[in-house]
Amino acid sequence: MLRQKLRPLVIIGSFLGLTETVLGIGVLKVQGNIQVARAVFVMAFPVLVLIAFIAILWNRAHVLYPPSEYGDRDPNVFASAVKNSPVGKYLQLAKSVEKDPTDWKPDFHS
């Protein structure tokens, strides 16, 4: 039997699915202001998790790769390759534009 690798996205999705299911059942079991508060939380919680996930993906994408993805490479070499990829250069350019929107160069091919 094949052993399936747990990916961070699977873990996050499972956590959100279980949380939303339990909280959704909880919303149906209560009445009044508590029901409204829980319903708002059930709708806002996945958005907050998504924002956190995007923040991690934007700033530290290499932490979302499990060690099995490194192959025979040193994890530090793998992480630096992710940081120094063309995507990493575009992220650095986007961060510099974010700091000062008036100071940017339209040359994305450098």
PDB file of N, CA and C in Angstrom:
ATOM      1  N   MET A   1       0.844  -1.183   0.000  1.00  0.00           N
ATOM      2  CA  MET A   1       0.000   0.000   0.000  1.00  0.00           C
ATOM      3  C   MET A   1       0.882   1.236   0.000  1.00  0.00           C
ATOM      4  N   LEU A   2       0.591   2.188  -0.871  1.00  0.00           N
ATOM      5  CA  LEU A   2       1.385   3.408  -0.960  1.00  0.00           C
ATOM      6  C   LEU A   2       1.096   4.335   0.205  1.00  0.00           C
ATOM      7  N   ARG A   3       2.163   4.863   0.727  1.00  0.00           N
ATOM      8  CA  ARG A   3       2.007   5.829   1.807  1.00  0.00           C
ATOM      9  C   ARG A   3       1.934   7.224   1.195  1.00  0.00           C
ATOM     10  N   GLN A   4       0.842   7.903   1.431  1.00  0.00           N
ATOM     11  CA  GLN A   4       0.651   9.231   0.844  1.00  0.00           C
ATOM     12  C   GLN A   4       1.387  10.266   1.680  1.00  0.00           C
ATOM     13  N   LYS A   5       2.079  11.170   0.992  1.00  0.00           N
ATOM     14  CA  LYS A   5       2.803  12.224   1.675  1.00  0.00           C
ATOM     15  C   LYS A   5       1.831  13.321   2.085  1.00  0.00           C
ATOM     16  N   LEU A   6       1.971  13.769   3.309  1.00  0.00           N
ATOM     17  CA  LEU A   6       1.137  14.874   3.780  1.00  0.00           C
ATOM     18  C   LEU A   6       1.742  16.188   3.319  1.00  0.00           C
ATOM     19  N   ARG A   7       1.008  16.914   2.563  1.00  0.00           N
ATOM     20  CA  ARG A   7       1.437  18.219   2.087  1.00  0.00           C
ATOM     21  C   ARG A   7       0.819  19.290   2.979  1.00  0.00           C
ATOM     22  N   PRO A   8       1.477  20.430   3.105  1.00  0.00           N
ATOM     23  CA  PRO A   8       0.913  21.498   3.936  1.00  0.00           C
ATOM     24  C   PRO A   8      -0.491  21.909   3.509  1.00  0.00           C
ATOM     25  N   LEU A   9      -0.747  21.915   2.211  1.00  0.00           N
ATOM     26  CA  LEU A   9      -2.073  22.294   1.734  1.00  0.00           C
ATOM     27  C   LEU A   9      -3.133  21.286   2.167  1.00  0.00           C
ATOM     28  N   VAL A  10      -2.775  20.009   2.198  1.00  0.00           N
ATOM     29  CA  VAL A  10      -3.707  18.972   2.658  1.00  0.00           C
ATOM     30  C   VAL A  10      -3.992  19.155   4.144  1.00  0.00           C
ATOM     31  N   ILE A  11      -2.966  19.454   4.911  1.00  0.00           N
ATOM     32  CA  ILE A  11      -3.139  19.662   6.351  1.00  0.00           C
ATOM     33  C   ILE A  11      -4.020  20.880   6.611  1.00  0.00           C
ATOM     34  N   ILE A  12      -3.739  21.974   5.919  1.00  0.00           N
ATOM     35  CA  ILE A  12      -4.534  23.201   6.094  1.00  0.00           C
ATOM     36  C   ILE A  12      -5.975  22.961   5.661  1.00  0.00           C
ATOM     37  N   GLY A  13      -6.169  22.299   4.521  1.00  0.00           N
ATOM     38  CA  GLY A  13      -7.521  22.006   4.034  1.00  0.00           C
ATOM     39  C   GLY A  13      -8.297  21.107   4.970  1.00  0.00           C
ATOM     40  N   SER A  14      -7.628  20.081   5.508  1.00  0.00           N
ATOM     41  CA  SER A  14      -8.295  19.184   6.455  1.00  0.00           C
ATOM     42  C   SER A  14      -8.692  19.921   7.723  1.00  0.00           C
ATOM     43  N   PHE A  15      -7.785  20.753   8.212  1.00  0.00           N
ATOM     44  CA  PHE A  15      -8.073  21.548   9.407  1.00  0.00           C
ATOM     45  C   PHE A  15      -9.271  22.462   9.167  1.00  0.00           C
ATOM     46  N   LEU A  16      -9.285  23.157   8.039  1.00  0.00           N
ATOM     47  CA  LEU A  16     -10.408  24.056   7.744  1.00  0.00           C
ATOM     48  C   LEU A  16     -11.709  23.284   7.550  1.00  0.00           C
ATOM     49  N   GLY A  17     -11.638  22.155   6.878  1.00  0.00           N
ATOM     50  CA  GLY A  17     -12.850  21.358   6.669  1.00  0.00           C
ATOM     51  C   GLY A  17     -13.449  20.872   7.975  1.00  0.00           C
ATOM     52  N   LEU A  18     -12.610  20.338   8.847  1.00  0.00           N
ATOM     53  CA  LEU A  18     -13.089  19.866  10.145  1.00  0.00           C
ATOM     54  C   LEU A  18     -13.631  21.025  10.982  1.00  0.00           C
ATOM     55  N   THR A  19     -12.895  22.118  11.017  1.00  0.00           N
ATOM     56  CA  THR A  19     -13.326  23.283  11.803  1.00  0.00           C
ATOM     57  C   THR A  19     -14.654  23.833  11.296  1.00  0.00           C
ATOM     58  N   GLU A  20     -14.778  23.980   9.987  1.00  0.00           N
ATOM     59  CA  GLU A  20     -16.007  24.530   9.422  1.00  0.00           C
ATOM     60  C   GLU A  20     -17.194  23.598   9.655  1.00  0.00           C
ATOM     61  N   THR A  21     -16.964  22.299   9.576  1.00  0.00           N
ATOM     62  CA  THR A  21     -18.042  21.341   9.819  1.00  0.00           C
ATOM     63  C   THR A  21     -18.537  21.419  11.257  1.00  0.00           C
ATOM     64  N   VAL A  22     -17.591  21.389  12.194  1.00  0.00           N
ATOM     65  CA  VAL A  22     -17.969  21.431  13.610  1.00  0.00           C
ATOM     66  C   VAL A  22     -18.641  22.763  13.953  1.00  0.00           C
ATOM     67  N   LEU A  23     -18.082  23.859  13.480  1.00  0.00           N
ATOM     68  CA  LEU A  23     -18.678  25.160  13.779  1.00  0.00           C
ATOM     69  C   LEU A  23     -20.030  25.338  13.074  1.00  0.00           C
ATOM     70  N   GLY A  24     -20.150  24.794  11.862  1.00  0.00           N
ATOM     71  CA  GLY A  24     -21.432  24.874  11.155  1.00  0.00           C
ATOM     72  C   GLY A  24     -22.534  24.133  11.887  1.00  0.00           C
ATOM     73  N   ILE A  25     -22.207  22.962  12.428  1.00  0.00           N
ATOM     74  CA  ILE A  25     -23.184  22.222  13.236  1.00  0.00           C
ATOM     75  C   ILE A  25     -23.510  23.011  14.500  1.00  0.00           C
ATOM     76  N   GLY A  26     -22.472  23.629  15.082  1.00  0.00           N
ATOM     77  CA  GLY A  26     -22.688  24.440  16.281  1.00  0.00           C
ATOM     78  C   GLY A  26     -23.596  25.626  16.038  1.00  0.00           C
ATOM     79  N   VAL A  27     -23.498  26.227  14.866  1.00  0.00           N
ATOM     80  CA  VAL A  27     -24.362  27.370  14.525  1.00  0.00           C
ATOM     81  C   VAL A  27     -25.824  26.938  14.497  1.00  0.00           C
ATOM     82  N   LEU A  28     -26.081  25.732  14.019  1.00  0.00           N
ATOM     83  CA  LEU A  28     -27.450  25.249  13.923  1.00  0.00           C
ATOM     84  C   LEU A  28     -28.043  24.868  15.275  1.00  0.00           C
ATOM     85  N   LYS A  29     -27.194  24.627  16.264  1.00  0.00           N
ATOM     86  CA  LYS A  29     -27.664  24.164  17.571  1.00  0.00           C
ATOM     87  C   LYS A  29     -27.949  25.290  18.568  1.00  0.00           C
ATOM     88  N   VAL A  30     -27.589  26.523  18.241  1.00  0.00           N
ATOM     89  CA  VAL A  30     -27.795  27.637  19.178  1.00  0.00           C
ATOM     90  C   VAL A  30     -28.763  28.653  18.583  1.00  0.00           C
ATOM     91  N   GLN A  31     -29.197  29.588  19.393  1.00  0.00           N
ATOM     92  CA  GLN A  31     -30.159  30.607  18.965  1.00  0.00           C
ATOM     93  C   GLN A  31     -29.667  31.992  19.390  1.00  0.00           C
ATOM     94  N   GLY A  32     -30.234  33.001  18.792  1.00  0.00           N
ATOM     95  CA  GLY A  32     -30.007  34.380  19.229  1.00  0.00           C
ATOM     96  C   GLY A  32     -28.669  34.950  18.781  1.00  0.00           C
ATOM     97  N   ASN A  33     -28.129  35.811  19.662  1.00  0.00           N
ATOM     98  CA  ASN A  33     -26.887  36.519  19.337  1.00  0.00           C
ATOM     99  C   ASN A  33     -25.696  35.574  19.201  1.00  0.00           C
ATOM    100  N   ILE A  34     -25.698  34.505  19.962  1.00  0.00           N
ATOM    101  CA  ILE A  34     -24.609  33.522  19.863  1.00  0.00           C
ATOM    102  C   ILE A  34     -24.579  32.913  18.467  1.00  0.00           C
ATOM    103  N   GLN A  35     -25.756  32.655  17.901  1.00  0.00           N
ATOM    104  CA  GLN A  35     -25.824  32.085  16.565  1.00  0.00           C
ATOM    105  C   GLN A  35     -25.255  33.067  15.536  1.00  0.00           C
ATOM    106  N   VAL A  36     -25.571  34.332  15.691  1.00  0.00           N
ATOM    107  CA  VAL A  36     -25.045  35.349  14.769  1.00  0.00           C
ATOM    108  C   VAL A  36     -23.530  35.443  14.889  1.00  0.00           C
ATOM    109  N   ALA A  37     -23.033  35.470  16.129  1.00  0.00           N
ATOM    110  CA  ALA A  37     -21.586  35.568  16.345  1.00  0.00           C
ATOM    111  C   ALA A  37     -20.857  34.364  15.756  1.00  0.00           C
ATOM    112  N   ARG A  38     -21.396  33.184  15.969  1.00  0.00           N
ATOM    113  CA  ARG A  38     -20.767  31.982  15.408  1.00  0.00           C
ATOM    114  C   ARG A  38     -20.833  31.974  13.890  1.00  0.00           C
ATOM    115  N   ALA A  39     -21.942  32.414  13.335  1.00  0.00           N
ATOM    116  CA  ALA A  39     -22.066  32.451  11.875  1.00  0.00           C
ATOM    117  C   ALA A  39     -21.048  33.415  11.267  1.00  0.00           C
ATOM    118  N   VAL A  40     -20.864  34.559  11.902  1.00  0.00           N
ATOM    119  CA  VAL A  40     -19.866  35.522  11.415  1.00  0.00           C
ATOM    120  C   VAL A  40     -18.465  34.906  11.504  1.00  0.00           C
ATOM    121  N   PHE A  41     -18.186  34.225  12.612  1.00  0.00           N
ATOM    122  CA  PHE A  41     -16.881  33.585  12.763  1.00  0.00           C
ATOM    123  C   PHE A  41     -16.666  32.497  11.716  1.00  0.00           C
ATOM    124  N   VAL A  42     -17.710  31.689  11.462  1.00  0.00           N
ATOM    125  CA  VAL A  42     -17.606  30.617  10.467  1.00  0.00           C
ATOM    126  C   VAL A  42     -17.295  31.197   9.087  1.00  0.00           C
ATOM    127  N   MET A  43     -17.810  32.373   8.786  1.00  0.00           N
ATOM    128  CA  MET A  43     -17.540  32.991   7.491  1.00  0.00           C
ATOM    129  C   MET A  43     -16.180  33.687   7.468  1.00  0.00           C
ATOM    130  N   ALA A  44     -15.750  34.276   8.584  1.00  0.00           N
ATOM    131  CA  ALA A  44     -14.509  35.048   8.615  1.00  0.00           C
ATOM    132  C   ALA A  44     -13.268  34.183   8.810  1.00  0.00           C
ATOM    133  N   PHE A  45     -13.387  33.069   9.506  1.00  0.00           N
ATOM    134  CA  PHE A  45     -12.231  32.241   9.835  1.00  0.00           C
ATOM    135  C   PHE A  45     -11.467  31.754   8.602  1.00  0.00           C
ATOM    136  N   PRO A  46     -12.115  31.200   7.573  1.00  0.00           N
ATOM    137  CA  PRO A  46     -11.354  30.758   6.394  1.00  0.00           C
ATOM    138  C   PRO A  46     -10.649  31.912   5.683  1.00  0.00           C
ATOM    139  N   VAL A  47     -11.261  33.086   5.708  1.00  0.00           N
ATOM    140  CA  VAL A  47     -10.626  34.245   5.084  1.00  0.00           C
ATOM    141  C   VAL A  47      -9.347  34.609   5.844  1.00  0.00           C
ATOM    142  N   LEU A  48      -9.400  34.571   7.170  1.00  0.00           N
ATOM    143  CA  LEU A  48      -8.213  34.862   7.974  1.00  0.00           C
ATOM    144  C   LEU A  48      -7.119  33.826   7.753  1.00  0.00           C
ATOM    145  N   VAL A  49      -7.499  32.566   7.644  1.00  0.00           N
ATOM    146  CA  VAL A  49      -6.512  31.513   7.372  1.00  0.00           C
ATOM    147  C   VAL A  49      -5.908  31.715   5.983  1.00  0.00           C
ATOM    148  N   LEU A  50      -6.723  32.089   5.010  1.00  0.00           N
ATOM    149  CA  LEU A  50      -6.227  32.355   3.663  1.00  0.00           C
ATOM    150  C   LEU A  50      -5.235  33.511   3.662  1.00  0.00           C
ATOM    151  N   ILE A  51      -5.538  34.575   4.385  1.00  0.00           N
ATOM    152  CA  ILE A  51      -4.627  35.715   4.469  1.00  0.00           C
ATOM    153  C   ILE A  51      -3.302  35.285   5.090  1.00  0.00           C
ATOM    154  N   ALA A  52      -3.364  34.496   6.156  1.00  0.00           N
ATOM    155  CA  ALA A  52      -2.135  34.001   6.791  1.00  0.00           C
ATOM    156  C   ALA A  52      -1.346  33.111   5.829  1.00  0.00           C
ATOM    157  N   PHE A  53      -2.047  32.246   5.098  1.00  0.00           N
ATOM    158  CA  PHE A  53      -1.376  31.358   4.140  1.00  0.00           C
ATOM    159  C   PHE A  53      -0.695  32.163   3.042  1.00  0.00           C
ATOM    160  N   ILE A  54      -1.370  33.172   2.514  1.00  0.00           N
ATOM    161  CA  ILE A  54      -0.783  33.999   1.460  1.00  0.00           C
ATOM    162  C   ILE A  54       0.413  34.777   1.994  1.00  0.00           C
ATOM    163  N   ALA A  55       0.324  35.257   3.239  1.00  0.00           N
ATOM    164  CA  ALA A  55       1.457  35.970   3.833  1.00  0.00           C
ATOM    165  C   ALA A  55       2.673  35.055   3.954  1.00  0.00           C
ATOM    166  N   ILE A  56       2.450  33.812   4.363  1.00  0.00           N
ATOM    167  CA  ILE A  56       3.558  32.855   4.453  1.00  0.00           C
ATOM    168  C   ILE A  56       4.089  32.542   3.062  1.00  0.00           C
ATOM    169  N   LEU A  57       3.197  32.335   2.115  1.00  0.00           N
ATOM    170  CA  LEU A  57       3.596  32.032   0.745  1.00  0.00           C
ATOM    171  C   LEU A  57       4.386  33.183   0.133  1.00  0.00           C
ATOM    172  N   TRP A  58       4.005  34.393   0.431  1.00  0.00           N
ATOM    173  CA  TRP A  58       4.657  35.579  -0.125  1.00  0.00           C
ATOM    174  C   TRP A  58       6.053  35.765   0.466  1.00  0.00           C
ATOM    175  N   ASN A  59       6.186  35.568   1.771  1.00  0.00           N
ATOM    176  CA  ASN A  59       7.439  35.881   2.444  1.00  0.00           C
ATOM    177  C   ASN A  59       8.374  34.693   2.634  1.00  0.00           C
ATOM    178  N   ARG A  60       7.832  33.499   2.829  1.00  0.00           N
ATOM    179  CA  ARG A  60       8.671  32.342   3.155  1.00  0.00           C
ATOM    180  C   ARG A  60       8.117  31.083   2.490  1.00  0.00           C
ATOM    181  N   ALA A  61       8.051  31.082   1.178  1.00  0.00           N
ATOM    182  CA  ALA A  61       7.452  29.953   0.450  1.00  0.00           C
ATOM    183  C   ALA A  61       8.184  28.641   0.702  1.00  0.00           C
ATOM    184  N   HIS A  62       9.475  28.699   0.969  1.00  0.00           N
ATOM    185  CA  HIS A  62      10.255  27.469   1.141  1.00  0.00           C
ATOM    186  C   HIS A  62       9.823  26.667   2.369  1.00  0.00           C
ATOM    187  N   VAL A  63       9.168  27.280   3.352  1.00  0.00           N
ATOM    188  CA  VAL A  63       8.749  26.526   4.537  1.00  0.00           C
ATOM    189  C   VAL A  63       7.547  25.632   4.250  1.00  0.00           C
ATOM    190  N   LEU A  64       6.903  25.812   3.117  1.00  0.00           N
ATOM    191  CA  LEU A  64       5.744  24.988   2.774  1.00  0.00           C
ATOM    192  C   LEU A  64       6.132  23.688   2.069  1.00  0.00           C
ATOM    193  N   TYR A  65       7.413  23.521   1.783  1.00  0.00           N
ATOM    194  CA  TYR A  65       7.880  22.286   1.154  1.00  0.00           C
ATOM    195  C   TYR A  65       8.306  21.299   2.229  1.00  0.00           C
ATOM    196  N   PRO A  66       7.814  20.058   2.184  1.00  0.00           N
ATOM    197  CA  PRO A  66       8.264  19.058   3.158  1.00  0.00           C
ATOM    198  C   PRO A  66       9.701  18.633   2.843  1.00  0.00           C
ATOM    199  N   PRO A  67      10.428  18.124   3.835  1.00  0.00           N
ATOM    200  CA  PRO A  67      11.819  17.698   3.605  1.00  0.00           C
ATOM    201  C   PRO A  67      11.978  16.681   2.476  1.00  0.00           C
ATOM    202  N   SER A  68      10.954  15.881   2.209  1.00  0.00           N
ATOM    203  CA  SER A  68      11.057  14.903   1.128  1.00  0.00           C
ATOM    204  C   SER A  68      11.173  15.570  -0.243  1.00  0.00           C
ATOM    205  N   GLU A  69      10.753  16.818  -0.352  1.00  0.00           N
ATOM    206  CA  GLU A  69      10.848  17.543  -1.620  1.00  0.00           C
ATOM    207  C   GLU A  69      12.272  18.021  -1.903  1.00  0.00           C
ATOM    208  N   TYR A  70      13.118  18.030  -0.880  1.00  0.00           N
ATOM    209  CA  TYR A  70      14.487  18.510  -1.060  1.00  0.00           C
ATOM    210  C   TYR A  70      15.333  17.532  -1.855  1.00  0.00           C
ATOM    211  N   GLY A  71      14.946  16.272  -1.872  1.00  0.00           N
ATOM    212  CA  GLY A  71      15.743  15.254  -2.555  1.00  0.00           C
ATOM    213  C   GLY A  71      17.042  15.046  -1.818  1.00  0.00           C
ATOM    214  N   ASP A  72      18.139  14.998  -2.555  1.00  0.00           N
ATOM    215  CA  ASP A  72      19.433  14.799  -1.915  1.00  0.00           C
ATOM    216  C   ASP A  72      20.142  16.123  -1.639  1.00  0.00           C
ATOM    217  N   ARG A  73      19.432  17.228  -1.799  1.00  0.00           N
ATOM    218  CA  ARG A  73      20.029  18.549  -1.566  1.00  0.00           C
ATOM    219  C   ARG A  73      19.927  18.947  -0.101  1.00  0.00           C
ATOM    220  N   ASP A  74      20.831  19.805   0.276  1.00  0.00           N
ATOM    221  CA  ASP A  74      20.799  20.403   1.606  1.00  0.00           C
ATOM    222  C   ASP A  74      19.591  21.345   1.662  1.00  0.00           C
ATOM    223  N   PRO A  75      18.802  21.310   2.732  1.00  0.00           N
ATOM    224  CA  PRO A  75      17.643  22.198   2.816  1.00  0.00           C
ATOM    225  C   PRO A  75      17.985  23.670   2.644  1.00  0.00           C
ATOM    226  N   ASN A  76      19.164  24.090   3.092  1.00  0.00           N
ATOM    227  CA  ASN A  76      19.552  25.501   2.917  1.00  0.00           C
ATOM    228  C   ASN A  76      19.765  25.850   1.453  1.00  0.00           C
ATOM    229  N   VAL A  77      20.336  24.923   0.696  1.00  0.00           N
ATOM    230  CA  VAL A  77      20.532  25.146  -0.738  1.00  0.00           C
ATOM    231  C   VAL A  77      19.175  25.211  -1.442  1.00  0.00           C
ATOM    232  N   PHE A  78      18.278  24.313  -1.054  1.00  0.00           N
ATOM    233  CA  PHE A  78      16.936  24.301  -1.650  1.00  0.00           C
ATOM    234  C   PHE A  78      16.207  25.610  -1.357  1.00  0.00           C
ATOM    235  N   ALA A  79      16.262  26.055  -0.097  1.00  0.00           N
ATOM    236  CA  ALA A  79      15.578  27.293   0.290  1.00  0.00           C
ATOM    237  C   ALA A  79      16.166  28.494  -0.446  1.00  0.00           C
ATOM    238  N   SER A  80      17.478  28.533  -0.589  1.00  0.00           N
ATOM    239  CA  SER A  80      18.077  29.671  -1.304  1.00  0.00           C
ATOM    240  C   SER A  80      17.723  29.628  -2.784  1.00  0.00           C
ATOM    241  N   ALA A  81      17.567  28.425  -3.351  1.00  0.00           N
ATOM    242  CA  ALA A  81      17.156  28.324  -4.754  1.00  0.00           C
ATOM    243  C   ALA A  81      15.742  28.849  -4.935  1.00  0.00           C
ATOM    244  N   VAL A  82      14.863  28.563  -3.986  1.00  0.00           N
ATOM    245  CA  VAL A  82      13.492  29.076  -4.060  1.00  0.00           C
ATOM    246  C   VAL A  82      13.501  30.599  -3.943  1.00  0.00           C
ATOM    247  N   LYS A  83      14.314  31.121  -3.019  1.00  0.00           N
ATOM    248  CA  LYS A  83      14.376  32.570  -2.812  1.00  0.00           C
ATOM    249  C   LYS A  83      14.968  33.282  -4.021  1.00  0.00           C
ATOM    250  N   ASN A  84      15.955  32.657  -4.672  1.00  0.00           N
ATOM    251  CA  ASN A  84      16.662  33.308  -5.772  1.00  0.00           C
ATOM    252  C   ASN A  84      16.116  32.944  -7.144  1.00  0.00           C
ATOM    253  N   SER A  85      14.963  32.316  -7.192  1.00  0.00           N
ATOM    254  CA  SER A  85      14.355  31.970  -8.476  1.00  0.00           C
ATOM    255  C   SER A  85      13.835  33.241  -9.147  1.00  0.00           C
ATOM    256  N   PRO A  86      13.477  33.176 -10.430  1.00  0.00           N
ATOM    257  CA  PRO A  86      12.902  34.359 -11.079  1.00  0.00           C
ATOM    258  C   PRO A  86      11.676  34.889 -10.335  1.00  0.00           C
ATOM    259  N   VAL A  87      10.903  33.997  -9.756  1.00  0.00           N
ATOM    260  CA  VAL A  87       9.745  34.436  -8.982  1.00  0.00           C
ATOM    261  C   VAL A  87      10.213  35.256  -7.788  1.00  0.00           C
ATOM    262  N   GLY A  88      11.297  34.821  -7.151  1.00  0.00           N
ATOM    263  CA  GLY A  88      11.856  35.559  -6.026  1.00  0.00           C
ATOM    264  C   GLY A  88      12.298  36.959  -6.429  1.00  0.00           C
ATOM    265  N   LYS A  89      12.865  37.090  -7.633  1.00  0.00           N
ATOM    266  CA  LYS A  89      13.271  38.416  -8.124  1.00  0.00           C
ATOM    267  C   LYS A  89      12.047  39.302  -8.323  1.00  0.00           C
ATOM    268  N   TYR A  90      10.975  38.732  -8.863  1.00  0.00           N
ATOM    269  CA  TYR A  90       9.757  39.517  -9.049  1.00  0.00           C
ATOM    270  C   TYR A  90       9.140  39.906  -7.714  1.00  0.00           C
ATOM    271  N   LEU A  91       9.249  39.011  -6.728  1.00  0.00           N
ATOM    272  CA  LEU A  91       8.743  39.344  -5.403  1.00  0.00           C
ATOM    273  C   LEU A  91       9.545  40.488  -4.797  1.00  0.00           C
ATOM    274  N   GLN A  92      10.868  40.451  -4.979  1.00  0.00           N
ATOM    275  CA  GLN A  92      11.696  41.548  -4.474  1.00  0.00           C
ATOM    276  C   GLN A  92      11.338  42.852  -5.173  1.00  0.00           C
ATOM    277  N   LEU A  93      11.110  42.797  -6.481  1.00  0.00           N
ATOM    278  CA  LEU A  93      10.708  43.986  -7.218  1.00  0.00           C
ATOM    279  C   LEU A  93       9.366  44.499  -6.721  1.00  0.00           C
ATOM    280  N   ALA A  94       8.432  43.602  -6.484  1.00  0.00           N
ATOM    281  CA  ALA A  94       7.117  44.003  -5.976  1.00  0.00           C
ATOM    282  C   ALA A  94       7.233  44.621  -4.589  1.00  0.00           C
ATOM    283  N   LYS A  95       8.102  44.069  -3.746  1.00  0.00           N
ATOM    284  CA  LYS A  95       8.285  44.644  -2.415  1.00  0.00           C
ATOM    285  C   LYS A  95       8.901  46.027  -2.493  1.00  0.00           C
ATOM    286  N   SER A  96       9.841  46.232  -3.417  1.00  0.00           N
ATOM    287  CA  SER A  96      10.445  47.557  -3.547  1.00  0.00           C
ATOM    288  C   SER A  96       9.426  48.569  -4.072  1.00  0.00           C
ATOM    289  N   VAL A  97       8.566  48.137  -4.993  1.00  0.00           N
ATOM    290  CA  VAL A  97       7.511  49.028  -5.495  1.00  0.00           C
ATOM    291  C   VAL A  97       6.502  49.311  -4.385  1.00  0.00           C
ATOM    292  N   GLU A  98       6.262  48.325  -3.556  1.00  0.00           N
ATOM    293  CA  GLU A  98       5.327  48.499  -2.447  1.00  0.00           C
ATOM    294  C   GLU A  98       5.850  49.564  -1.475  1.00  0.00           C
ATOM    295  N   LYS A  99       7.164  49.580  -1.250  1.00  0.00           N
ATOM    296  CA  LYS A  99       7.746  50.569  -0.339  1.00  0.00           C
ATOM    297  C   LYS A  99       7.678  51.982  -0.923  1.00  0.00           C
ATOM    298  N   ASP A 100       7.993  52.104  -2.212  1.00  0.00           N
ATOM    299  CA  ASP A 100       7.969  53.413  -2.868  1.00  0.00           C
ATOM    300  C   ASP A 100       7.382  53.258  -4.274  1.00  0.00           C
ATOM    301  N   PRO A 101       6.068  53.432  -4.421  1.00  0.00           N
ATOM    302  CA  PRO A 101       5.415  53.202  -5.718  1.00  0.00           C
ATOM    303  C   PRO A 101       5.902  54.117  -6.834  1.00  0.00           C
ATOM    304  N   THR A 102       6.501  55.252  -6.496  1.00  0.00           N
ATOM    305  CA  THR A 102       6.964  56.172  -7.541  1.00  0.00           C
ATOM    306  C   THR A 102       8.330  55.788  -8.089  1.00  0.00           C
ATOM    307  N   ASP A 103       9.048  54.904  -7.418  1.00  0.00           N
ATOM    308  CA  ASP A 103      10.395  54.528  -7.818  1.00  0.00           C
ATOM    309  C   ASP A 103      10.419  53.089  -8.303  1.00  0.00           C
ATOM    310  N   TRP A 104      10.055  52.868  -9.558  1.00  0.00           N
ATOM    311  CA  TRP A 104      10.091  51.524 -10.114  1.00  0.00           C
ATOM    312  C   TRP A 104      10.528  51.585 -11.563  1.00  0.00           C
ATOM    313  N   LYS A 105      11.121  50.501 -11.977  1.00  0.00           N
ATOM    314  CA  LYS A 105      11.583  50.392 -13.357  1.00  0.00           C
ATOM    315  C   LYS A 105      10.675  49.408 -14.080  1.00  0.00           C
ATOM    316  N   PRO A 106      10.140  49.776 -15.251  1.00  0.00           N
ATOM    317  CA  PRO A 106       9.235  48.881 -15.958  1.00  0.00           C
ATOM    318  C   PRO A 106       9.918  47.707 -16.634  1.00  0.00           C
ATOM    319  N   ASP A 107      11.230  47.566 -16.470  1.00  0.00           N
ATOM    320  CA  ASP A 107      11.973  46.480 -17.111  1.00  0.00           C
ATOM    321  C   ASP A 107      11.894  45.216 -16.248  1.00  0.00           C
ATOM    322  N   PHE A 108      11.013  44.301 -16.598  1.00  0.00           N
ATOM    323  CA  PHE A 108      10.855  43.066 -15.848  1.00  0.00           C
ATOM    324  C   PHE A 108      11.760  41.959 -16.382  1.00  0.00           C
ATOM    325  N   HIS A 109      12.542  42.231 -17.401  1.00  0.00           N
ATOM    326  CA  HIS A 109      13.373  41.202 -18.008  1.00  0.00           C
ATOM    327  C   HIS A 109      14.817  41.270 -17.555  1.00  0.00           C
ATOM    328  N   SER A 110      15.099  42.037 -16.537  1.00  0.00           N
ATOM    329  CA  SER A 110      16.481  42.151 -16.084  1.00  0.00           C
ATOM    330  C   SER A 110      16.869  41.023 -15.173  1.00  0.00           C
TER     331      SER A 110
END
